[in-house]
Amino acid sequence: MEPKDEGKNEKAFKNFGKRVDEFVSELNEAGEKLQKEFQERYEELKVSAEKMKKEAENKERWKEVEASLKKAGEELKNAFNAAFKKGS
């Protein structure tokens, strides 16, 4: 191999090395960006899940309130019926 060819090969490998380094650097940056995006999405999902949980709890409470009011209404109806029952 002539010295001239050796210089070309060295230059080609050096160039290749720089490109590999750039690629790895870009890959790391992309990975960091994806990790940040996933973290943001995860936080959004946690907030949504908490909101849904509170809404579900609120619905359960209202179901209990509705059942209690229905029961109270029935008892009030029975009390009125007993109070105003025409003489037996």
C-alpha atoms as a PDB file:
ATOM      1  CA  MET A   1       0.000   0.000   0.000  1.00  0.00           C
ATOM      2  CA  GLU A   2       1.356   3.389  -0.887  1.00  0.00           C
ATOM      3  CA  PRO A   3       1.579   6.190   1.666  1.00  0.00           C
ATOM      4  CA  LYS A   4      -0.866   8.179  -0.412  1.00  0.00           C
ATOM      5  CA  ASP A   5      -3.511   5.454  -0.077  1.00  0.00           C
ATOM      6  CA  GLU A   6      -2.843   5.165   3.656  1.00  0.00           C
ATOM      7  CA  GLY A   7      -3.622   8.867   4.080  1.00  0.00           C
ATOM      8  CA  LYS A   8      -6.913   8.483   2.203  1.00  0.00           C
ATOM      9  CA  ASN A   9      -7.917   5.501   4.322  1.00  0.00           C
ATOM     10  CA  GLU A  10      -7.033   7.295   7.531  1.00  0.00           C
ATOM     11  CA  LYS A  11      -9.051  10.294   6.427  1.00  0.00           C
ATOM     12  CA  ALA A  12     -12.008   8.056   5.480  1.00  0.00           C
ATOM     13  CA  PHE A  13     -11.927   6.283   8.865  1.00  0.00           C
ATOM     14  CA  LYS A  14     -11.588   9.591  10.685  1.00  0.00           C
ATOM     15  CA  ASN A  15     -14.589  10.928   8.759  1.00  0.00           C
ATOM     16  CA  PHE A  16     -16.506   7.742   9.500  1.00  0.00           C
ATOM     17  CA  GLY A  17     -15.642   8.074  13.208  1.00  0.00           C
ATOM     18  CA  LYS A  18     -16.941  11.648  13.288  1.00  0.00           C
ATOM     19  CA  ARG A  19     -20.190  10.569  11.663  1.00  0.00           C
ATOM     20  CA  VAL A  20     -20.619   7.734  14.133  1.00  0.00           C
ATOM     21  CA  ASP A  21     -19.996  10.148  17.024  1.00  0.00           C
ATOM     22  CA  GLU A  22     -22.570  12.589  15.585  1.00  0.00           C
ATOM     23  CA  PHE A  23     -25.073   9.770  15.120  1.00  0.00           C
ATOM     24  CA  VAL A  24     -24.608   8.552  18.698  1.00  0.00           C
ATOM     25  CA  SER A  25     -24.966  12.117  19.974  1.00  0.00           C
ATOM     26  CA  GLU A  26     -28.184  12.623  17.992  1.00  0.00           C
ATOM     27  CA  LEU A  27     -29.454   9.263  19.184  1.00  0.00           C
ATOM     28  CA  ASN A  28     -28.832  10.260  22.803  1.00  0.00           C
ATOM     29  CA  GLU A  29     -30.611  13.587  22.287  1.00  0.00           C
ATOM     30  CA  ALA A  30     -33.577  11.829  20.682  1.00  0.00           C
ATOM     31  CA  GLY A  31     -33.692   9.374  23.593  1.00  0.00           C
ATOM     32  CA  GLU A  32     -33.689  12.217  26.112  1.00  0.00           C
ATOM     33  CA  LYS A  33     -36.476  14.005  24.222  1.00  0.00           C
ATOM     34  CA  LEU A  34     -38.555  10.823  24.102  1.00  0.00           C
ATOM     35  CA  GLN A  35     -37.998  10.206  27.783  1.00  0.00           C
ATOM     36  CA  LYS A  36     -39.119  13.759  28.554  1.00  0.00           C
ATOM     37  CA  GLU A  37     -42.212  13.358  26.350  1.00  0.00           C
ATOM     38  CA  PHE A  38     -43.088  10.045  28.003  1.00  0.00           C
ATOM     39  CA  GLN A  39     -42.659  11.614  31.439  1.00  0.00           C
ATOM     40  CA  GLU A  40     -44.983  14.482  30.464  1.00  0.00           C
ATOM     41  CA  ARG A  41     -47.564  12.040  29.100  1.00  0.00           C
ATOM     42  CA  TYR A  42     -47.301   9.973  32.261  1.00  0.00           C
ATOM     43  CA  GLU A  43     -47.948  13.055  34.402  1.00  0.00           C
ATOM     44  CA  GLU A  44     -50.957  13.975  32.221  1.00  0.00           C
ATOM     45  CA  LEU A  45     -52.342  10.462  32.612  1.00  0.00           C
ATOM     46  CA  LYS A  46     -51.874  10.594  36.386  1.00  0.00           C
ATOM     47  CA  VAL A  47     -53.832  13.862  36.535  1.00  0.00           C
ATOM     48  CA  SER A  48     -56.586  12.403  34.335  1.00  0.00           C
ATOM     49  CA  ALA A  49     -56.765   9.250  36.436  1.00  0.00           C
ATOM     50  CA  GLU A  50     -57.037  11.282  39.637  1.00  0.00           C
ATOM     51  CA  LYS A  51     -59.786  13.411  38.094  1.00  0.00           C
ATOM     52  CA  MET A  52     -61.694  10.314  36.990  1.00  0.00           C
ATOM     53  CA  LYS A  53     -61.302   8.799  40.450  1.00  0.00           C
ATOM     54  CA  LYS A  54     -62.735  11.921  42.085  1.00  0.00           C
ATOM     55  CA  GLU A  55     -65.619  12.018  39.620  1.00  0.00           C
ATOM     56  CA  ALA A  56     -66.372   8.349  40.305  1.00  0.00           C
ATOM     57  CA  GLU A  57     -66.300   8.952  44.052  1.00  0.00           C
ATOM     58  CA  ASN A  58     -68.566  11.958  43.599  1.00  0.00           C
ATOM     59  CA  LYS A  59     -71.036   9.850  41.604  1.00  0.00           C
ATOM     60  CA  GLU A  60     -71.011   7.200  44.328  1.00  0.00           C
ATOM     61  CA  ARG A  61     -71.755   9.848  46.949  1.00  0.00           C
ATOM     62  CA  TRP A  62     -74.637  11.168  44.884  1.00  0.00           C
ATOM     63  CA  LYS A  63     -75.979   7.654  44.502  1.00  0.00           C
ATOM     64  CA  GLU A  64     -75.914   7.313  48.284  1.00  0.00           C
ATOM     65  CA  VAL A  65     -77.590  10.719  48.702  1.00  0.00           C
ATOM     66  CA  GLU A  66     -80.221   9.790  46.127  1.00  0.00           C
ATOM     67  CA  ALA A  67     -80.917   6.472  47.887  1.00  0.00           C
ATOM     68  CA  SER A  68     -81.174   8.213  51.267  1.00  0.00           C
ATOM     69  CA  LEU A  69     -83.529  10.860  49.880  1.00  0.00           C
ATOM     70  CA  LYS A  70     -85.658   8.183  48.241  1.00  0.00           C
ATOM     71  CA  LYS A  71     -85.862   6.283  51.532  1.00  0.00           C
ATOM     72  CA  ALA A  72     -86.696   9.491  53.432  1.00  0.00           C
ATOM     73  CA  GLY A  73     -89.393  10.302  50.859  1.00  0.00           C
ATOM     74  CA  GLU A  74     -90.955   6.864  51.294  1.00  0.00           C
ATOM     75  CA  GLU A  75     -90.919   7.220  55.090  1.00  0.00           C
ATOM     76  CA  LEU A  76     -92.474  10.694  54.820  1.00  0.00           C
ATOM     77  CA  LYS A  77     -95.154   9.319  52.518  1.00  0.00           C
ATOM     78  CA  ASN A  78     -95.910   6.518  54.992  1.00  0.00           C
ATOM     79  CA  ALA A  79     -96.063   9.050  57.844  1.00  0.00           C
ATOM     80  CA  PHE A  80     -98.544  11.225  55.921  1.00  0.00           C
ATOM     81  CA  ASN A  81    -100.617   8.201  55.010  1.00  0.00           C
ATOM     82  CA  ALA A  82    -100.731   7.120  58.642  1.00  0.00           C
ATOM     83  CA  ALA A  83    -101.521  10.627  59.887  1.00  0.00           C
ATOM     84  CA  PHE A  84    -104.238  11.359  57.394  1.00  0.00           C
ATOM     85  CA  LYS A  85    -105.630   7.899  57.029  1.00  0.00           C
ATOM     86  CA  LYS A  86    -109.351   8.140  57.038  1.00  0.00           C
ATOM     87  CA  GLY A  87    -110.804   6.501  60.052  1.00  0.00           C
ATOM     88  CA  SER A  88    -110.616   2.800  60.129  1.00  0.00           C
END
